[in-house]
Amino acid sequence: MHSPYQQWEGAVQQQQQQLIQRTQPQAQGFDDTGEGFESLLELLNGPTDPGPPSGGACMPGSRADIIINAPMMVPAQPPPPPPPPPPPAPPAAESRSGPSKAPVSEQTRLALIKKLNPQSILVDENFNSQLHTAVLQSQPREAVDFLLCNLKRQKKLLPIINMVNICGHTPLSLCLKMRRADLLSLLIDFDAGPTQLCCCVSERTNHFHYAFAKCLDTTAAIQMVQCLISCVAEKHQSDLIGLHAKDRFRKTPLDYLNHRISQLSATQQEPDSAELLASMQWLKNSICRMLPRVEAGLDY
């Protein structure tokens, strides 16, 4: 009797012999050159590509020919992005004061003045009031007096009496410019202010500056300036402080008077110059008597 282990070992050996007997005929087909193995691979994977013949050419239709002569596949490039839109046109150049001004007709200008002038104070496009117009038209003293009384009754005189027009002139400075000495005392009576700025505001000249710088060319003009100072001293003496005021050039009205006197002193041999020089010296002395605080001896 064999033991169970010996029986199991005999069964295993028997199975090994049966396996060898089944695979031996197939192993006999494999020679040392390996052709049998290649035939087995050909059965499994299909016929192999014979490869290119001598000369480098490939058989048409072969796998190598398909691979070699196949067109190169280049990955598709994305389309170029569309060009950016052109930048918007720059706006029309404008000056610091605003858009370019088109010419304004006289009718449009008058309509604008009327809109900005609810009390009908201005009468033309040059920003002249009724009082400016009366002086410019050389109306007589009686007509100007009537106009002043009428404006005062209508409560329109206050914004007019010291108002400047487009040229920077007040009614009082227009009287000095036009040598209307007969209207000076009348305007001073209705509170025209000689210390108010006139003409070029940036130069900060008051009516005294204007009188001494622009109205000392004749003896009659010097007498007119003397009349102005006398009226102010009589009715509004505090306004004489304007004789101390300095303009943009750091000059007082008397500085202009002294400068004019020094100019005439150099040409006093001429008869007209001597007469003007005497009138200016008289004006200077009268101012010093009227207002001792004024330093009349300053040189220009």
C-alpha atoms as a PDB file:
ATOM      1  CA  MET A   1       0.000   0.000   0.000  1.00  0.00           C
ATOM      2  CA  HIS A   2       1.252   3.450  -0.931  1.00  0.00           C
ATOM      3  CA  SER A   3       0.900   6.354   1.433  1.00  0.00           C
ATOM      4  CA  PRO A   4      -1.361   9.311   0.433  1.00  0.00           C
ATOM      5  CA  TYR A   5       1.674  11.466  -0.127  1.00  0.00           C
ATOM      6  CA  GLN A   6       3.183   8.949  -2.528  1.00  0.00           C
ATOM      7  CA  GLN A   7      -0.158   8.727  -4.359  1.00  0.00           C
ATOM      8  CA  TRP A   8      -0.281  12.530  -4.728  1.00  0.00           C
ATOM      9  CA  GLU A   9       3.340  12.668  -5.939  1.00  0.00           C
ATOM     10  CA  GLY A  10       2.647   9.981  -8.558  1.00  0.00           C
ATOM     11  CA  ALA A  11      -0.384  11.894  -9.847  1.00  0.00           C
ATOM     12  CA  VAL A  12       1.709  15.056 -10.267  1.00  0.00           C
ATOM     13  CA  GLN A  13       4.415  13.208 -12.218  1.00  0.00           C
ATOM     14  CA  GLN A  14       1.777  11.674 -14.452  1.00  0.00           C
ATOM     15  CA  GLN A  15       0.326  15.130 -15.246  1.00  0.00           C
ATOM     16  CA  GLN A  16       3.808  16.469 -16.070  1.00  0.00           C
ATOM     17  CA  GLN A  17       4.438  13.627 -18.536  1.00  0.00           C
ATOM     18  CA  GLN A  18       1.101  14.247 -20.233  1.00  0.00           C
ATOM     19  CA  LEU A  19       1.947  17.975 -20.597  1.00  0.00           C
ATOM     20  CA  ILE A  20       5.354  17.140 -22.143  1.00  0.00           C
ATOM     21  CA  GLN A  21       3.750  14.772 -24.611  1.00  0.00           C
ATOM     22  CA  ARG A  22       1.260  17.443 -25.754  1.00  0.00           C
ATOM     23  CA  THR A  23       3.866  20.239 -26.301  1.00  0.00           C
ATOM     24  CA  GLN A  24       6.630  18.122 -27.849  1.00  0.00           C
ATOM     25  CA  PRO A  25       5.230  18.094 -31.445  1.00  0.00           C
ATOM     26  CA  GLN A  26       4.984  21.904 -31.447  1.00  0.00           C
ATOM     27  CA  ALA A  27       8.526  22.295 -30.062  1.00  0.00           C
ATOM     28  CA  GLN A  28       9.895  20.109 -32.906  1.00  0.00           C
ATOM     29  CA  GLY A  29       8.781  22.833 -35.416  1.00  0.00           C
ATOM     30  CA  PHE A  30      11.208  25.442 -33.888  1.00  0.00           C
ATOM     31  CA  ASP A  31      14.707  25.159 -35.342  1.00  0.00           C
ATOM     32  CA  ASP A  32      17.837  26.929 -34.206  1.00  0.00           C
ATOM     33  CA  THR A  33      17.316  29.793 -36.681  1.00  0.00           C
ATOM     34  CA  GLY A  34      14.114  30.877 -34.991  1.00  0.00           C
ATOM     35  CA  GLU A  35      12.036  30.614 -38.182  1.00  0.00           C
ATOM     36  CA  GLY A  36       9.420  28.582 -36.448  1.00  0.00           C
ATOM     37  CA  PHE A  37       9.096  31.250 -33.787  1.00  0.00           C
ATOM     38  CA  GLU A  38       8.661  33.958 -36.430  1.00  0.00           C
ATOM     39  CA  SER A  39       5.963  31.908 -38.124  1.00  0.00           C
ATOM     40  CA  LEU A  40       4.230  31.618 -34.796  1.00  0.00           C
ATOM     41  CA  LEU A  41       4.386  35.422 -34.352  1.00  0.00           C
ATOM     42  CA  GLU A  42       3.086  35.870 -37.878  1.00  0.00           C
ATOM     43  CA  LEU A  43       0.130  33.685 -37.072  1.00  0.00           C
ATOM     44  CA  LEU A  44      -0.567  35.713 -33.994  1.00  0.00           C
ATOM     45  CA  ASN A  45       0.086  39.275 -35.329  1.00  0.00           C
ATOM     46  CA  GLY A  46      -0.418  38.964 -39.084  1.00  0.00           C
ATOM     47  CA  PRO A  47       2.264  39.094 -41.808  1.00  0.00           C
ATOM     48  CA  THR A  48       5.208  41.339 -41.048  1.00  0.00           C
ATOM     49  CA  ASP A  49       6.244  44.206 -43.279  1.00  0.00           C
ATOM     50  CA  PRO A  50       9.061  42.957 -45.584  1.00  0.00           C
ATOM     51  CA  GLY A  51      10.807  46.353 -45.206  1.00  0.00           C
ATOM     52  CA  PRO A  52      12.287  48.489 -47.890  1.00  0.00           C
ATOM     53  CA  PRO A  53      14.233  46.682 -50.638  1.00  0.00           C
ATOM     54  CA  SER A  54      17.781  47.573 -51.508  1.00  0.00           C
ATOM     55  CA  GLY A  55      18.007  51.084 -52.912  1.00  0.00           C
ATOM     56  CA  GLY A  56      15.950  52.747 -50.155  1.00  0.00           C
ATOM     57  CA  ALA A  57      12.555  52.551 -51.920  1.00  0.00           C
ATOM     58  CA  CYS A  58       9.514  51.171 -50.181  1.00  0.00           C
ATOM     59  CA  MET A  59       7.056  48.764 -51.696  1.00  0.00           C
ATOM     60  CA  PRO A  60       3.919  50.624 -52.689  1.00  0.00           C
ATOM     61  CA  GLY A  61       1.129  50.020 -50.271  1.00  0.00           C
ATOM     62  CA  SER A  62       3.406  48.600 -47.632  1.00  0.00           C
ATOM     63  CA  ARG A  63       3.187  49.712 -44.054  1.00  0.00           C
ATOM     64  CA  ALA A  64       6.566  51.470 -44.315  1.00  0.00           C
ATOM     65  CA  ASP A  65       5.399  53.270 -47.451  1.00  0.00           C
ATOM     66  CA  ILE A  66       2.285  54.497 -45.703  1.00  0.00           C
ATOM     67  CA  ILE A  67       4.292  55.708 -42.727  1.00  0.00           C
ATOM     68  CA  ILE A  68       7.080  57.349 -44.777  1.00  0.00           C
ATOM     69  CA  ASN A  69       4.936  58.965 -47.467  1.00  0.00           C
ATOM     70  CA  ALA A  70       2.104  60.000 -45.239  1.00  0.00           C
ATOM     71  CA  PRO A  71       1.753  63.809 -45.105  1.00  0.00           C
ATOM     72  CA  MET A  72       3.068  65.381 -41.973  1.00  0.00           C
ATOM     73  CA  MET A  73       0.202  66.343 -39.711  1.00  0.00           C
ATOM     74  CA  VAL A  74       0.815  69.858 -38.427  1.00  0.00           C
ATOM     75  CA  PRO A  75      -1.380  70.899 -35.556  1.00  0.00           C
ATOM     76  CA  ALA A  76      -3.880  73.490 -36.640  1.00  0.00           C
ATOM     77  CA  GLN A  77      -2.924  77.009 -35.600  1.00  0.00           C
ATOM     78  CA  PRO A  78      -5.613  79.143 -33.974  1.00  0.00           C
ATOM     79  CA  PRO A  79      -6.807  82.040 -36.156  1.00  0.00           C
ATOM     80  CA  PRO A  80      -5.053  85.358 -35.435  1.00  0.00           C
ATOM     81  CA  PRO A  81      -6.965  87.672 -33.134  1.00  0.00           C
ATOM     82  CA  PRO A  82      -8.900  90.458 -34.856  1.00  0.00           C
ATOM     83  CA  PRO A  83      -7.099  93.823 -34.960  1.00  0.00           C
ATOM     84  CA  PRO A  84      -8.032  96.194 -32.148  1.00  0.00           C
ATOM     85  CA  PRO A  85     -10.561  98.879 -33.036  1.00  0.00           C
ATOM     86  CA  PRO A  86      -9.057 102.270 -33.881  1.00  0.00           C
ATOM     87  CA  PRO A  87      -8.882 104.690 -30.946  1.00  0.00           C
ATOM     88  CA  PRO A  88     -11.673 107.243 -30.795  1.00  0.00           C
ATOM     89  CA  ALA A  89     -10.922 110.582 -32.345  1.00  0.00           C
ATOM     90  CA  PRO A  90      -9.729 113.108 -29.743  1.00  0.00           C
ATOM     91  CA  PRO A  91     -12.235 115.815 -28.902  1.00  0.00           C
ATOM     92  CA  ALA A  92     -11.837 119.198 -30.475  1.00  0.00           C
ATOM     93  CA  ALA A  93      -9.264 121.294 -28.681  1.00  0.00           C
ATOM     94  CA  GLU A  94     -10.814 123.794 -26.346  1.00  0.00           C
ATOM     95  CA  SER A  95      -9.241 126.797 -24.780  1.00  0.00           C
ATOM     96  CA  ARG A  96      -9.030 127.189 -20.936  1.00  0.00           C
ATOM     97  CA  SER A  97     -11.917 129.490 -21.063  1.00  0.00           C
ATOM     98  CA  GLY A  98     -14.155 126.982 -22.874  1.00  0.00           C
ATOM     99  CA  PRO A  99     -15.021 126.002 -26.442  1.00  0.00           C
ATOM    100  CA  SER A 100     -14.091 128.225 -29.332  1.00  0.00           C
ATOM    101  CA  LYS A 101     -16.338 131.217 -29.469  1.00  0.00           C
ATOM    102  CA  ALA A 102     -18.312 131.822 -32.607  1.00  0.00           C
ATOM    103  CA  PRO A 103     -18.959 135.403 -33.587  1.00  0.00           C
ATOM    104  CA  VAL A 104     -22.012 136.706 -31.808  1.00  0.00           C
ATOM    105  CA  SER A 105     -24.353 138.986 -33.643  1.00  0.00           C
ATOM    106  CA  GLU A 106     -25.291 142.302 -32.122  1.00  0.00           C
ATOM    107  CA  GLN A 107     -28.890 141.139 -31.695  1.00  0.00           C
ATOM    108  CA  THR A 108     -27.759 138.058 -29.745  1.00  0.00           C
ATOM    109  CA  ARG A 109     -25.431 140.150 -27.600  1.00  0.00           C
ATOM    110  CA  LEU A 110     -28.181 142.614 -26.762  1.00  0.00           C
ATOM    111  CA  ALA A 111     -30.532 139.741 -25.934  1.00  0.00           C
ATOM    112  CA  LEU A 112     -27.915 138.305 -23.566  1.00  0.00           C
ATOM    113  CA  ILE A 113     -27.430 141.677 -21.901  1.00  0.00           C
ATOM    114  CA  LYS A 114     -31.190 142.006 -21.488  1.00  0.00           C
ATOM    115  CA  LYS A 115     -31.363 138.548 -19.904  1.00  0.00           C
ATOM    116  CA  LEU A 116     -28.549 139.331 -17.467  1.00  0.00           C
ATOM    117  CA  ASN A 117     -29.916 142.803 -16.875  1.00  0.00           C
ATOM    118  CA  PRO A 118     -33.408 142.430 -15.423  1.00  0.00           C
ATOM    119  CA  GLN A 119     -33.546 146.054 -14.253  1.00  0.00           C
ATOM    120  CA  SER A 120     -32.496 147.418 -17.677  1.00  0.00           C
ATOM    121  CA  ILE A 121     -29.390 148.993 -16.145  1.00  0.00           C
ATOM    122  CA  LEU A 122     -27.201 148.339 -19.197  1.00  0.00           C
ATOM    123  CA  VAL A 123     -28.105 149.935 -22.491  1.00  0.00           C
ATOM    124  CA  ASP A 124     -25.598 148.502 -24.994  1.00  0.00           C
ATOM    125  CA  GLU A 125     -23.131 145.686 -25.609  1.00  0.00           C
ATOM    126  CA  ASN A 126     -20.264 147.700 -24.127  1.00  0.00           C
ATOM    127  CA  PHE A 127     -21.872 147.464 -20.674  1.00  0.00           C
ATOM    128  CA  ASN A 128     -22.587 151.152 -20.570  1.00  0.00           C
ATOM    129  CA  SER A 129     -25.317 152.310 -18.244  1.00  0.00           C
ATOM    130  CA  GLN A 130     -27.641 155.243 -18.854  1.00  0.00           C
ATOM    131  CA  LEU A 131     -25.221 157.391 -16.871  1.00  0.00           C
ATOM    132  CA  HIS A 132     -22.237 156.306 -18.977  1.00  0.00           C
ATOM    133  CA  THR A 133     -24.207 157.126 -22.099  1.00  0.00           C
ATOM    134  CA  ALA A 134     -25.169 160.575 -20.810  1.00  0.00           C
ATOM    135  CA  VAL A 135     -21.504 161.441 -20.210  1.00  0.00           C
ATOM    136  CA  LEU A 136     -20.359 159.973 -23.528  1.00  0.00           C
ATOM    137  CA  GLN A 137     -23.039 161.947 -25.370  1.00  0.00           C
ATOM    138  CA  SER A 138     -21.868 165.156 -23.667  1.00  0.00           C
ATOM    139  CA  GLN A 139     -25.322 165.873 -22.297  1.00  0.00           C
ATOM    140  CA  PRO A 140     -25.596 169.142 -20.319  1.00  0.00           C
ATOM    141  CA  ARG A 141     -25.308 169.228 -16.570  1.00  0.00           C
ATOM    142  CA  GLU A 142     -29.080 169.745 -16.130  1.00  0.00           C
ATOM    143  CA  ALA A 143     -29.881 166.576 -18.108  1.00  0.00           C
ATOM    144  CA  VAL A 144     -27.370 164.538 -16.126  1.00  0.00           C
ATOM    145  CA  ASP A 145     -28.762 165.935 -12.866  1.00  0.00           C
ATOM    146  CA  PHE A 146     -32.299 164.956 -13.902  1.00  0.00           C
ATOM    147  CA  LEU A 147     -31.109 161.453 -14.838  1.00  0.00           C
ATOM    148  CA  LEU A 148     -29.354 160.993 -11.485  1.00  0.00           C
ATOM    149  CA  CYS A 149     -32.455 162.045  -9.569  1.00  0.00           C
ATOM    150  CA  ASN A 150     -34.637 159.738 -11.664  1.00  0.00           C
ATOM    151  CA  LEU A 151     -32.315 156.752 -11.156  1.00  0.00           C
ATOM    152  CA  LYS A 152     -32.179 157.403  -7.433  1.00  0.00           C
ATOM    153  CA  ARG A 153     -35.971 157.497  -7.225  1.00  0.00           C
ATOM    154  CA  GLN A 154     -36.167 154.164  -9.108  1.00  0.00           C
ATOM    155  CA  LYS A 155     -33.496 152.686  -6.795  1.00  0.00           C
ATOM    156  CA  LYS A 156     -31.198 151.988  -9.752  1.00  0.00           C
ATOM    157  CA  LEU A 157     -28.485 154.500  -8.929  1.00  0.00           C
ATOM    158  CA  LEU A 158     -26.518 152.395  -6.458  1.00  0.00           C
ATOM    159  CA  PRO A 159     -25.396 149.708  -8.960  1.00  0.00           C
ATOM    160  CA  ILE A 160     -24.716 152.346 -11.639  1.00  0.00           C
ATOM    161  CA  ILE A 161     -22.830 155.189  -9.988  1.00  0.00           C
ATOM    162  CA  ASN A 162     -19.527 153.253  -9.632  1.00  0.00           C
ATOM    163  CA  MET A 163     -20.043 150.598 -12.314  1.00  0.00           C
ATOM    164  CA  VAL A 164     -17.332 150.068 -14.936  1.00  0.00           C
ATOM    165  CA  ASN A 165     -18.057 149.458 -18.591  1.00  0.00           C
ATOM    166  CA  ILE A 166     -16.209 147.094 -20.907  1.00  0.00           C
ATOM    167  CA  CYS A 167     -13.268 149.531 -21.072  1.00  0.00           C
ATOM    168  CA  GLY A 168     -13.027 149.790 -17.282  1.00  0.00           C
ATOM    169  CA  HIS A 169     -14.419 153.328 -17.073  1.00  0.00           C
ATOM    170  CA  THR A 170     -16.866 154.526 -14.452  1.00  0.00           C
ATOM    171  CA  PRO A 171     -19.016 157.619 -15.046  1.00  0.00           C
ATOM    172  CA  LEU A 172     -16.541 159.574 -12.896  1.00  0.00           C
ATOM    173  CA  SER A 173     -13.461 158.425 -14.837  1.00  0.00           C
ATOM    174  CA  LEU A 174     -15.274 159.222 -18.089  1.00  0.00           C
ATOM    175  CA  CYS A 175     -15.774 162.772 -16.802  1.00  0.00           C
ATOM    176  CA  LEU A 176     -12.026 163.001 -16.141  1.00  0.00           C
ATOM    177  CA  LYS A 177     -11.198 161.571 -19.551  1.00  0.00           C
ATOM    178  CA  MET A 178     -13.588 163.923 -21.378  1.00  0.00           C
ATOM    179  CA  ARG A 179     -12.601 166.890 -19.185  1.00  0.00           C
ATOM    180  CA  ARG A 180     -16.142 167.359 -17.876  1.00  0.00           C
ATOM    181  CA  ALA A 181     -15.188 169.368 -14.797  1.00  0.00           C
ATOM    182  CA  ASP A 182     -18.784 170.613 -14.474  1.00  0.00           C
ATOM    183  CA  LEU A 183     -20.017 167.080 -13.675  1.00  0.00           C
ATOM    184  CA  LEU A 184     -17.454 166.178 -11.010  1.00  0.00           C
ATOM    185  CA  SER A 185     -19.156 167.862  -8.068  1.00  0.00           C
ATOM    186  CA  LEU A 186     -22.534 166.515  -9.244  1.00  0.00           C
ATOM    187  CA  LEU A 187     -21.329 162.916  -9.284  1.00  0.00           C
ATOM    188  CA  ILE A 188     -19.570 163.342  -5.926  1.00  0.00           C
ATOM    189  CA  ASP A 189     -22.888 164.597  -4.490  1.00  0.00           C
ATOM    190  CA  PHE A 190     -24.530 161.307  -5.592  1.00  0.00           C
ATOM    191  CA  ASP A 191     -21.790 159.217  -3.899  1.00  0.00           C
ATOM    192  CA  ALA A 192     -19.436 158.532  -6.778  1.00  0.00           C
ATOM    193  CA  GLY A 193     -16.350 157.024  -5.138  1.00  0.00           C
ATOM    194  CA  PRO A 194     -12.947 158.335  -6.258  1.00  0.00           C
ATOM    195  CA  THR A 195     -11.247 155.513  -4.353  1.00  0.00           C
ATOM    196  CA  GLN A 196     -12.999 152.894  -6.503  1.00  0.00           C
ATOM    197  CA  LEU A 197     -10.809 151.048  -9.000  1.00  0.00           C
ATOM    198  CA  CYS A 198     -11.144 152.028 -12.631  1.00  0.00           C
ATOM    199  CA  CYS A 199      -9.577 151.405 -16.027  1.00  0.00           C
ATOM    200  CA  CYS A 200      -7.323 148.310 -15.920  1.00  0.00           C
ATOM    201  CA  VAL A 201      -8.340 146.539 -12.727  1.00  0.00           C
ATOM    202  CA  SER A 202      -5.156 144.439 -12.694  1.00  0.00           C
ATOM    203  CA  GLU A 203      -3.119 147.634 -12.278  1.00  0.00           C
ATOM    204  CA  ARG A 204      -5.231 148.571  -9.225  1.00  0.00           C
ATOM    205  CA  THR A 205      -5.540 152.241 -10.120  1.00  0.00           C
ATOM    206  CA  ASN A 206      -8.168 154.398  -8.448  1.00  0.00           C
ATOM    207  CA  HIS A 207      -9.534 157.675  -9.784  1.00  0.00           C
ATOM    208  CA  PHE A 208      -6.740 159.662  -8.158  1.00  0.00           C
ATOM    209  CA  HIS A 209      -4.126 157.527  -9.921  1.00  0.00           C
ATOM    210  CA  TYR A 210      -5.958 158.040 -13.201  1.00  0.00           C
ATOM    211  CA  ALA A 211      -6.249 161.811 -12.693  1.00  0.00           C
ATOM    212  CA  PHE A 212      -2.566 162.337 -11.870  1.00  0.00           C
ATOM    213  CA  ALA A 213      -1.301 159.939 -14.558  1.00  0.00           C
ATOM    214  CA  LYS A 214      -3.601 160.914 -17.452  1.00  0.00           C
ATOM    215  CA  CYS A 215      -5.034 164.388 -16.799  1.00  0.00           C
ATOM    216  CA  LEU A 216      -2.072 166.693 -16.210  1.00  0.00           C
ATOM    217  CA  ASP A 217      -1.397 167.638 -19.814  1.00  0.00           C
ATOM    218  CA  THR A 218      -2.940 171.147 -19.791  1.00  0.00           C
ATOM    219  CA  THR A 219      -3.553 173.923 -17.304  1.00  0.00           C
ATOM    220  CA  ALA A 220      -7.324 173.406 -17.599  1.00  0.00           C
ATOM    221  CA  ALA A 221      -6.912 169.685 -16.846  1.00  0.00           C
ATOM    222  CA  ILE A 222      -4.821 170.496 -13.770  1.00  0.00           C
ATOM    223  CA  GLN A 223      -7.571 172.821 -12.575  1.00  0.00           C
ATOM    224  CA  MET A 224     -10.095 170.008 -13.114  1.00  0.00           C
ATOM    225  CA  VAL A 225      -8.026 167.677 -10.904  1.00  0.00           C
ATOM    226  CA  GLN A 226      -7.856 170.412  -8.288  1.00  0.00           C
ATOM    227  CA  CYS A 227     -11.670 170.692  -8.487  1.00  0.00           C
ATOM    228  CA  LEU A 228     -11.998 166.929  -7.912  1.00  0.00           C
ATOM    229  CA  ILE A 229      -9.809 167.017  -4.805  1.00  0.00           C
ATOM    230  CA  SER A 230     -11.635 170.053  -3.427  1.00  0.00           C
ATOM    231  CA  CYS A 231     -15.069 168.389  -3.890  1.00  0.00           C
ATOM    232  CA  VAL A 232     -13.894 165.201  -2.186  1.00  0.00           C
ATOM    233  CA  ALA A 233     -12.350 167.145   0.698  1.00  0.00           C
ATOM    234  CA  GLU A 234     -15.569 169.118   1.175  1.00  0.00           C
ATOM    235  CA  LYS A 235     -18.132 166.286   0.956  1.00  0.00           C
ATOM    236  CA  HIS A 236     -16.306 162.982   1.561  1.00  0.00           C
ATOM    237  CA  GLN A 237     -13.034 163.880   3.248  1.00  0.00           C
ATOM    238  CA  SER A 238     -12.377 160.280   4.257  1.00  0.00           C
ATOM    239  CA  ASP A 239     -12.004 159.399   0.566  1.00  0.00           C
ATOM    240  CA  LEU A 240      -8.800 161.431   0.442  1.00  0.00           C
ATOM    241  CA  ILE A 241      -7.143 158.326   1.838  1.00  0.00           C
ATOM    242  CA  GLY A 242      -7.037 157.235  -1.807  1.00  0.00           C
ATOM    243  CA  LEU A 243      -4.091 159.592  -2.252  1.00  0.00           C
ATOM    244  CA  HIS A 244      -2.058 157.160  -0.112  1.00  0.00           C
ATOM    245  CA  ALA A 245      -3.099 154.075  -2.130  1.00  0.00           C
ATOM    246  CA  LYS A 246      -0.462 152.244  -4.164  1.00  0.00           C
ATOM    247  CA  ASP A 247      -1.130 150.610  -7.490  1.00  0.00           C
ATOM    248  CA  ARG A 248       0.447 147.482  -8.923  1.00  0.00           C
ATOM    249  CA  PHE A 249       3.673 149.381  -9.527  1.00  0.00           C
ATOM    250  CA  ARG A 250       3.827 150.462  -5.862  1.00  0.00           C
ATOM    251  CA  LYS A 251       3.139 154.080  -6.821  1.00  0.00           C
ATOM    252  CA  THR A 252       0.773 156.540  -5.133  1.00  0.00           C
ATOM    253  CA  PRO A 253      -1.062 159.273  -7.070  1.00  0.00           C
ATOM    254  CA  LEU A 254       1.425 161.854  -5.790  1.00  0.00           C
ATOM    255  CA  ASP A 255       4.289 159.732  -7.112  1.00  0.00           C
ATOM    256  CA  TYR A 256       2.888 160.298 -10.582  1.00  0.00           C
ATOM    257  CA  LEU A 257       2.556 164.018  -9.855  1.00  0.00           C
ATOM    258  CA  ASN A 258       6.185 164.254  -8.702  1.00  0.00           C
ATOM    259  CA  HIS A 259       7.325 162.307 -11.751  1.00  0.00           C
ATOM    260  CA  ARG A 260       5.488 164.734 -14.020  1.00  0.00           C
ATOM    261  CA  ILE A 261       6.991 167.714 -12.177  1.00  0.00           C
ATOM    262  CA  SER A 262      10.507 166.295 -12.595  1.00  0.00           C
ATOM    263  CA  GLN A 263       9.892 165.841 -16.314  1.00  0.00           C
ATOM    264  CA  LEU A 264       8.741 169.447 -16.736  1.00  0.00           C
ATOM    265  CA  SER A 265      11.636 170.766 -14.659  1.00  0.00           C
ATOM    266  CA  ALA A 266      14.023 169.449 -17.284  1.00  0.00           C
ATOM    267  CA  THR A 267      12.226 171.440 -20.022  1.00  0.00           C
ATOM    268  CA  GLN A 268      11.129 174.512 -18.068  1.00  0.00           C
ATOM    269  CA  GLN A 269      12.811 176.821 -20.575  1.00  0.00           C
ATOM    270  CA  GLU A 270       9.783 176.354 -22.857  1.00  0.00           C
ATOM    271  CA  PRO A 271       6.902 178.733 -22.038  1.00  0.00           C
ATOM    272  CA  ASP A 272       4.234 176.030 -22.018  1.00  0.00           C
ATOM    273  CA  SER A 273       6.325 173.801 -19.784  1.00  0.00           C
ATOM    274  CA  ALA A 274       6.924 176.623 -17.325  1.00  0.00           C
ATOM    275  CA  GLU A 275       3.192 177.335 -17.075  1.00  0.00           C
ATOM    276  CA  LEU A 276       2.338 173.676 -16.551  1.00  0.00           C
ATOM    277  CA  LEU A 277       5.101 173.340 -13.981  1.00  0.00           C
ATOM    278  CA  ALA A 278       3.753 176.287 -11.993  1.00  0.00           C
ATOM    279  CA  SER A 279       0.219 174.812 -12.068  1.00  0.00           C
ATOM    280  CA  MET A 280       1.485 171.438 -10.852  1.00  0.00           C
ATOM    281  CA  GLN A 281       3.460 173.008  -8.042  1.00  0.00           C
ATOM    282  CA  TRP A 282       0.340 174.907  -6.998  1.00  0.00           C
ATOM    283  CA  LEU A 283      -1.686 171.647  -7.071  1.00  0.00           C
ATOM    284  CA  LYS A 284       0.930 169.874  -4.986  1.00  0.00           C
ATOM    285  CA  ASN A 285       1.024 172.663  -2.384  1.00  0.00           C
ATOM    286  CA  SER A 286      -2.764 172.760  -2.106  1.00  0.00           C
ATOM    287  CA  ILE A 287      -2.877 169.006  -1.494  1.00  0.00           C
ATOM    288  CA  CYS A 288      -0.254 169.324   1.235  1.00  0.00           C
ATOM    289  CA  ARG A 289      -2.295 172.049   2.936  1.00  0.00           C
ATOM    290  CA  MET A 290      -5.465 170.011   2.615  1.00  0.00           C
ATOM    291  CA  LEU A 291      -3.972 166.767   3.834  1.00  0.00           C
ATOM    292  CA  PRO A 292      -0.672 167.234   5.699  1.00  0.00           C
ATOM    293  CA  ARG A 293      -0.266 163.478   6.114  1.00  0.00           C
ATOM    294  CA  VAL A 294       0.447 163.107   2.406  1.00  0.00           C
ATOM    295  CA  GLU A 295       4.202 162.937   1.860  1.00  0.00           C
ATOM    296  CA  ALA A 296       4.322 165.244  -1.120  1.00  0.00           C
ATOM    297  CA  GLY A 297       8.113 165.411  -1.216  1.00  0.00           C
ATOM    298  CA  LEU A 298       8.632 161.815  -2.374  1.00  0.00           C
ATOM    299  CA  ASP A 299      10.559 161.404  -5.575  1.00  0.00           C
ATOM    300  CA  TYR A 300       9.181 159.166  -8.298  1.00  0.00           C
END
